[in-house]
């Protein structure tokens, strides 16, 4: 059972939510609610966003190895002085993008599985994604809107 205000998991027989303090009104689990649907949607968006980043990271690595690694001969290609430092730099950024994609996929999968740790991972990835204009910014704002508590004073009550 989950709270229909903050989305926290409730123990059977609880009268109040442990996170936000809202009174449990009965069989909340049976009806679809705003928080559950938004968390599900955020999870799906993070998995799709990670797929885009996997493609971008792989393309960057392939381009770095192909153009600057001299795998194929390109007439009038870049001078060797550039290839010496640019290939490792682009490869590093490609692997960084793939690591970010893995974190986004793990966050999305965890949110879809309703894992407790997924909220923290999604918030961290959401903050990082704010810098990726426009899609990452939109997804980061949506993630923060869904996963951060509406009233922080009531979320600290236990």
C-alpha atoms as a PDB file:
ATOM      1  CA  UNK A   1       0.000   0.000   0.000  1.00  0.00           C
ATOM      2  CA  UNK A   2       1.273   3.492  -0.834  1.00  0.00           C
ATOM      3  CA  UNK A   3       0.371   6.965   0.417  1.00  0.00           C
ATOM      4  CA  UNK A   4      -1.677   8.865  -2.159  1.00  0.00           C
ATOM      5  CA  UNK A   5      -0.020  12.166  -1.207  1.00  0.00           C
ATOM      6  CA  UNK A   6       3.729  11.456  -1.112  1.00  0.00           C
ATOM      7  CA  UNK A   7       3.992   7.922  -2.520  1.00  0.00           C
ATOM      8  CA  UNK A   8       5.696   6.380   0.529  1.00  0.00           C
ATOM      9  CA  UNK A   9       5.149   2.688   1.147  1.00  0.00           C
ATOM     10  CA  UNK A  10       2.714   2.052   4.004  1.00  0.00           C
ATOM     11  CA  UNK A  11       2.662  -0.904   6.351  1.00  0.00           C
ATOM     12  CA  UNK A  12      -0.650  -2.746   6.658  1.00  0.00           C
ATOM     13  CA  UNK A  13      -2.736  -1.335   9.468  1.00  0.00           C
ATOM     14  CA  UNK A  14      -0.992   2.049   9.610  1.00  0.00           C
ATOM     15  CA  UNK A  15      -3.315   4.950  10.349  1.00  0.00           C
ATOM     16  CA  UNK A  16      -0.919   7.690   9.177  1.00  0.00           C
ATOM     17  CA  UNK A  17       1.829   7.934   6.564  1.00  0.00           C
ATOM     18  CA  UNK A  18       5.285   7.800   8.162  1.00  0.00           C
ATOM     19  CA  UNK A  19       6.727  10.306   5.672  1.00  0.00           C
ATOM     20  CA  UNK A  20       4.113  13.038   5.294  1.00  0.00           C
ATOM     21  CA  UNK A  21       1.703  12.338   8.171  1.00  0.00           C
ATOM     22  CA  UNK A  22      -1.445  12.096   6.020  1.00  0.00           C
ATOM     23  CA  UNK A  23      -4.272   9.997   7.432  1.00  0.00           C
ATOM     24  CA  UNK A  24      -4.839   6.757   5.537  1.00  0.00           C
ATOM     25  CA  UNK A  25      -8.403   6.705   4.227  1.00  0.00           C
ATOM     26  CA  UNK A  26      -8.867   2.998   3.579  1.00  0.00           C
ATOM     27  CA  UNK A  27      -7.936   0.961   0.547  1.00  0.00           C
ATOM     28  CA  UNK A  28      -5.656   3.462  -1.124  1.00  0.00           C
ATOM     29  CA  UNK A  29      -3.834   0.620  -2.862  1.00  0.00           C
ATOM     30  CA  UNK A  30      -6.770  -0.283  -5.075  1.00  0.00           C
ATOM     31  CA  UNK A  31      -7.223   3.064  -6.762  1.00  0.00           C
ATOM     32  CA  UNK A  32      -4.739   4.693  -9.070  1.00  0.00           C
ATOM     33  CA  UNK A  33      -3.327   7.900  -7.700  1.00  0.00           C
ATOM     34  CA  UNK A  34      -1.326  10.874  -8.855  1.00  0.00           C
ATOM     35  CA  UNK A  35       1.953   9.986  -7.189  1.00  0.00           C
ATOM     36  CA  UNK A  36       2.052   6.366  -8.381  1.00  0.00           C
ATOM     37  CA  UNK A  37       1.313   7.341 -11.988  1.00  0.00           C
ATOM     38  CA  UNK A  38       3.897  10.109 -12.009  1.00  0.00           C
ATOM     39  CA  UNK A  39       6.582   7.874 -10.487  1.00  0.00           C
ATOM     40  CA  UNK A  40       5.841   5.236 -13.123  1.00  0.00           C
ATOM     41  CA  UNK A  41       6.045   7.857 -15.872  1.00  0.00           C
ATOM     42  CA  UNK A  42       9.332   9.253 -14.515  1.00  0.00           C
ATOM     43  CA  UNK A  43      10.760   5.723 -14.523  1.00  0.00           C
ATOM     44  CA  UNK A  44       9.761   5.202 -18.151  1.00  0.00           C
ATOM     45  CA  UNK A  45      11.195   8.586 -19.152  1.00  0.00           C
ATOM     46  CA  UNK A  46      14.520   7.835 -17.444  1.00  0.00           C
ATOM     47  CA  UNK A  47      14.827   4.525 -19.262  1.00  0.00           C
ATOM     48  CA  UNK A  48      14.092   6.181 -22.618  1.00  0.00           C
ATOM     49  CA  UNK A  49      16.509   9.013 -21.824  1.00  0.00           C
ATOM     50  CA  UNK A  50      19.206   6.478 -20.993  1.00  0.00           C
ATOM     51  CA  UNK A  51      18.672   4.771 -24.360  1.00  0.00           C
ATOM     52  CA  UNK A  52      19.331   8.096 -26.104  1.00  0.00           C
ATOM     53  CA  UNK A  53      22.511   8.534 -24.088  1.00  0.00           C
ATOM     54  CA  UNK A  54      23.707   5.021 -24.932  1.00  0.00           C
ATOM     55  CA  UNK A  55      23.384   5.852 -28.625  1.00  0.00           C
ATOM     56  CA  UNK A  56      25.176   9.191 -28.161  1.00  0.00           C
ATOM     57  CA  UNK A  57      27.996   7.651 -26.125  1.00  0.00           C
ATOM     58  CA  UNK A  58      28.562   4.831 -28.603  1.00  0.00           C
ATOM     59  CA  UNK A  59      28.533   7.221 -31.566  1.00  0.00           C
ATOM     60  CA  UNK A  60      31.085   9.458 -29.837  1.00  0.00           C
ATOM     61  CA  UNK A  61      33.387   6.517 -29.095  1.00  0.00           C
ATOM     62  CA  UNK A  62      33.093   5.171 -32.643  1.00  0.00           C
ATOM     63  CA  UNK A  63      33.761   8.604 -34.158  1.00  0.00           C
ATOM     64  CA  UNK A  64      36.764   9.123 -31.872  1.00  0.00           C
ATOM     65  CA  UNK A  65      38.240   5.763 -32.789  1.00  0.00           C
ATOM     66  CA  UNK A  66      37.428   6.031 -36.505  1.00  0.00           C
ATOM     67  CA  UNK A  67      38.347   9.596 -37.380  1.00  0.00           C
ATOM     68  CA  UNK A  68      41.065  10.258 -34.836  1.00  0.00           C
ATOM     69  CA  UNK A  69      42.312   6.691 -34.436  1.00  0.00           C
ATOM     70  CA  UNK A  70      43.265   6.314 -38.084  1.00  0.00           C
ATOM     71  CA  UNK A  71      41.269   3.088 -38.416  1.00  0.00           C
ATOM     72  CA  UNK A  72      40.320   4.248 -41.896  1.00  0.00           C
ATOM     73  CA  UNK A  73      42.343   6.626 -44.013  1.00  0.00           C
ATOM     74  CA  UNK A  74      40.600   9.974 -44.454  1.00  0.00           C
ATOM     75  CA  UNK A  75      42.139  12.246 -47.079  1.00  0.00           C
ATOM     76  CA  UNK A  76      42.807  15.687 -45.648  1.00  0.00           C
ATOM     77  CA  UNK A  77      41.980  14.326 -42.182  1.00  0.00           C
ATOM     78  CA  UNK A  78      43.097  15.879 -38.923  1.00  0.00           C
ATOM     79  CA  UNK A  79      46.828  16.296 -38.325  1.00  0.00           C
ATOM     80  CA  UNK A  80      48.514  13.750 -36.042  1.00  0.00           C
ATOM     81  CA  UNK A  81      49.105  16.398 -33.363  1.00  0.00           C
ATOM     82  CA  UNK A  82      45.365  16.739 -32.914  1.00  0.00           C
ATOM     83  CA  UNK A  83      44.684  13.003 -32.934  1.00  0.00           C
ATOM     84  CA  UNK A  84      47.133  12.411 -30.109  1.00  0.00           C
ATOM     85  CA  UNK A  85      45.034  14.256 -27.527  1.00  0.00           C
ATOM     86  CA  UNK A  86      41.583  14.459 -29.122  1.00  0.00           C
ATOM     87  CA  UNK A  87      40.969  10.708 -29.494  1.00  0.00           C
ATOM     88  CA  UNK A  88      41.480   9.935 -25.765  1.00  0.00           C
ATOM     89  CA  UNK A  89      39.464  13.004 -24.780  1.00  0.00           C
ATOM     90  CA  UNK A  90      36.481  12.083 -26.961  1.00  0.00           C
ATOM     91  CA  UNK A  91      36.687   8.456 -25.862  1.00  0.00           C
ATOM     92  CA  UNK A  92      36.670   9.545 -22.220  1.00  0.00           C
ATOM     93  CA  UNK A  93      33.576  11.699 -22.785  1.00  0.00           C
ATOM     94  CA  UNK A  94      31.906   8.811 -24.609  1.00  0.00           C
ATOM     95  CA  UNK A  95      32.472   6.523 -21.619  1.00  0.00           C
ATOM     96  CA  UNK A  96      31.258   9.283 -19.285  1.00  0.00           C
ATOM     97  CA  UNK A  97      28.032   9.548 -21.280  1.00  0.00           C
ATOM     98  CA  UNK A  98      27.636   5.754 -21.123  1.00  0.00           C
ATOM     99  CA  UNK A  99      28.099   5.848 -17.333  1.00  0.00           C
ATOM    100  CA  UNK A 100      25.435   8.537 -17.081  1.00  0.00           C
ATOM    101  CA  UNK A 101      23.147   6.402 -19.249  1.00  0.00           C
ATOM    102  CA  UNK A 102      23.698   3.441 -16.921  1.00  0.00           C
ATOM    103  CA  UNK A 103      22.804   5.555 -13.874  1.00  0.00           C
ATOM    104  CA  UNK A 104      19.669   6.850 -15.615  1.00  0.00           C
ATOM    105  CA  UNK A 105      18.640   3.310 -16.599  1.00  0.00           C
ATOM    106  CA  UNK A 106      19.171   2.053 -13.040  1.00  0.00           C
ATOM    107  CA  UNK A 107      17.117   4.973 -11.683  1.00  0.00           C
ATOM    108  CA  UNK A 108      14.281   4.303 -14.135  1.00  0.00           C
ATOM    109  CA  UNK A 109      14.272   0.577 -13.479  1.00  0.00           C
ATOM    110  CA  UNK A 110      14.322   1.129  -9.716  1.00  0.00           C
ATOM    111  CA  UNK A 111      11.416   3.576  -9.899  1.00  0.00           C
ATOM    112  CA  UNK A 112       9.378   1.115 -11.949  1.00  0.00           C
ATOM    113  CA  UNK A 113      10.148  -1.615  -9.389  1.00  0.00           C
ATOM    114  CA  UNK A 114       9.257   0.765  -6.504  1.00  0.00           C
ATOM    115  CA  UNK A 115      12.672   0.328  -4.868  1.00  0.00           C
ATOM    116  CA  UNK A 116      13.438   2.686  -1.977  1.00  0.00           C
ATOM    117  CA  UNK A 117      16.965   3.526  -3.194  1.00  0.00           C
ATOM    118  CA  UNK A 118      15.671   4.552  -6.633  1.00  0.00           C
ATOM    119  CA  UNK A 119      14.332   7.878  -5.366  1.00  0.00           C
ATOM    120  CA  UNK A 120      17.812   9.025  -4.301  1.00  0.00           C
ATOM    121  CA  UNK A 121      19.444   7.807  -7.528  1.00  0.00           C
ATOM    122  CA  UNK A 122      16.741   9.499  -9.638  1.00  0.00           C
ATOM    123  CA  UNK A 123      17.130  12.774  -7.726  1.00  0.00           C
ATOM    124  CA  UNK A 124      20.912  12.773  -8.235  1.00  0.00           C
ATOM    125  CA  UNK A 125      20.579  11.959 -11.936  1.00  0.00           C
ATOM    126  CA  UNK A 126      17.791  14.551 -12.188  1.00  0.00           C
ATOM    127  CA  UNK A 127      20.027  17.276 -10.780  1.00  0.00           C
ATOM    128  CA  UNK A 128      22.790  16.331 -13.237  1.00  0.00           C
ATOM    129  CA  UNK A 129      20.318  16.263 -16.129  1.00  0.00           C
ATOM    130  CA  UNK A 130      19.271  19.858 -15.454  1.00  0.00           C
ATOM    131  CA  UNK A 131      22.395  20.932 -17.360  1.00  0.00           C
ATOM    132  CA  UNK A 132      21.339  19.108 -20.566  1.00  0.00           C
ATOM    133  CA  UNK A 133      19.114  21.647 -22.288  1.00  0.00           C
ATOM    134  CA  UNK A 134      16.263  21.109 -23.330  1.00  0.00           C
ATOM    135  CA  UNK A 135      15.307  17.442 -22.803  1.00  0.00           C
ATOM    136  CA  UNK A 136      17.448  16.841 -19.726  1.00  0.00           C
ATOM    137  CA  UNK A 137      16.282  20.079 -18.146  1.00  0.00           C
ATOM    138  CA  UNK A 138      12.633  19.171 -18.660  1.00  0.00           C
ATOM    139  CA  UNK A 139      13.135  15.647 -17.328  1.00  0.00           C
ATOM    140  CA  UNK A 140      15.169  16.920 -14.380  1.00  0.00           C
ATOM    141  CA  UNK A 141      12.492  19.442 -13.415  1.00  0.00           C
ATOM    142  CA  UNK A 142       9.756  16.816 -13.762  1.00  0.00           C
ATOM    143  CA  UNK A 143      11.768  14.351 -11.658  1.00  0.00           C
ATOM    144  CA  UNK A 144      12.342  16.919  -8.920  1.00  0.00           C
ATOM    145  CA  UNK A 145       8.665  17.917  -8.972  1.00  0.00           C
ATOM    146  CA  UNK A 146       7.518  14.320  -8.578  1.00  0.00           C
ATOM    147  CA  UNK A 147      10.103  12.987  -6.128  1.00  0.00           C
ATOM    148  CA  UNK A 148      10.745  15.896  -3.785  1.00  0.00           C
ATOM    149  CA  UNK A 149       8.163  16.235  -0.994  1.00  0.00           C
ATOM    150  CA  UNK A 150       5.644  19.008  -1.388  1.00  0.00           C
ATOM    151  CA  UNK A 151       5.894  20.158   2.207  1.00  0.00           C
ATOM    152  CA  UNK A 152       9.318  19.464   3.714  1.00  0.00           C
ATOM    153  CA  UNK A 153       8.149  20.300   7.243  1.00  0.00           C
ATOM    154  CA  UNK A 154       5.602  17.478   7.268  1.00  0.00           C
ATOM    155  CA  UNK A 155       7.937  14.971   5.589  1.00  0.00           C
ATOM    156  CA  UNK A 156      10.281  14.983   8.606  1.00  0.00           C
ATOM    157  CA  UNK A 157       7.568  13.849  11.036  1.00  0.00           C
ATOM    158  CA  UNK A 158       7.944  10.241  12.097  1.00  0.00           C
END
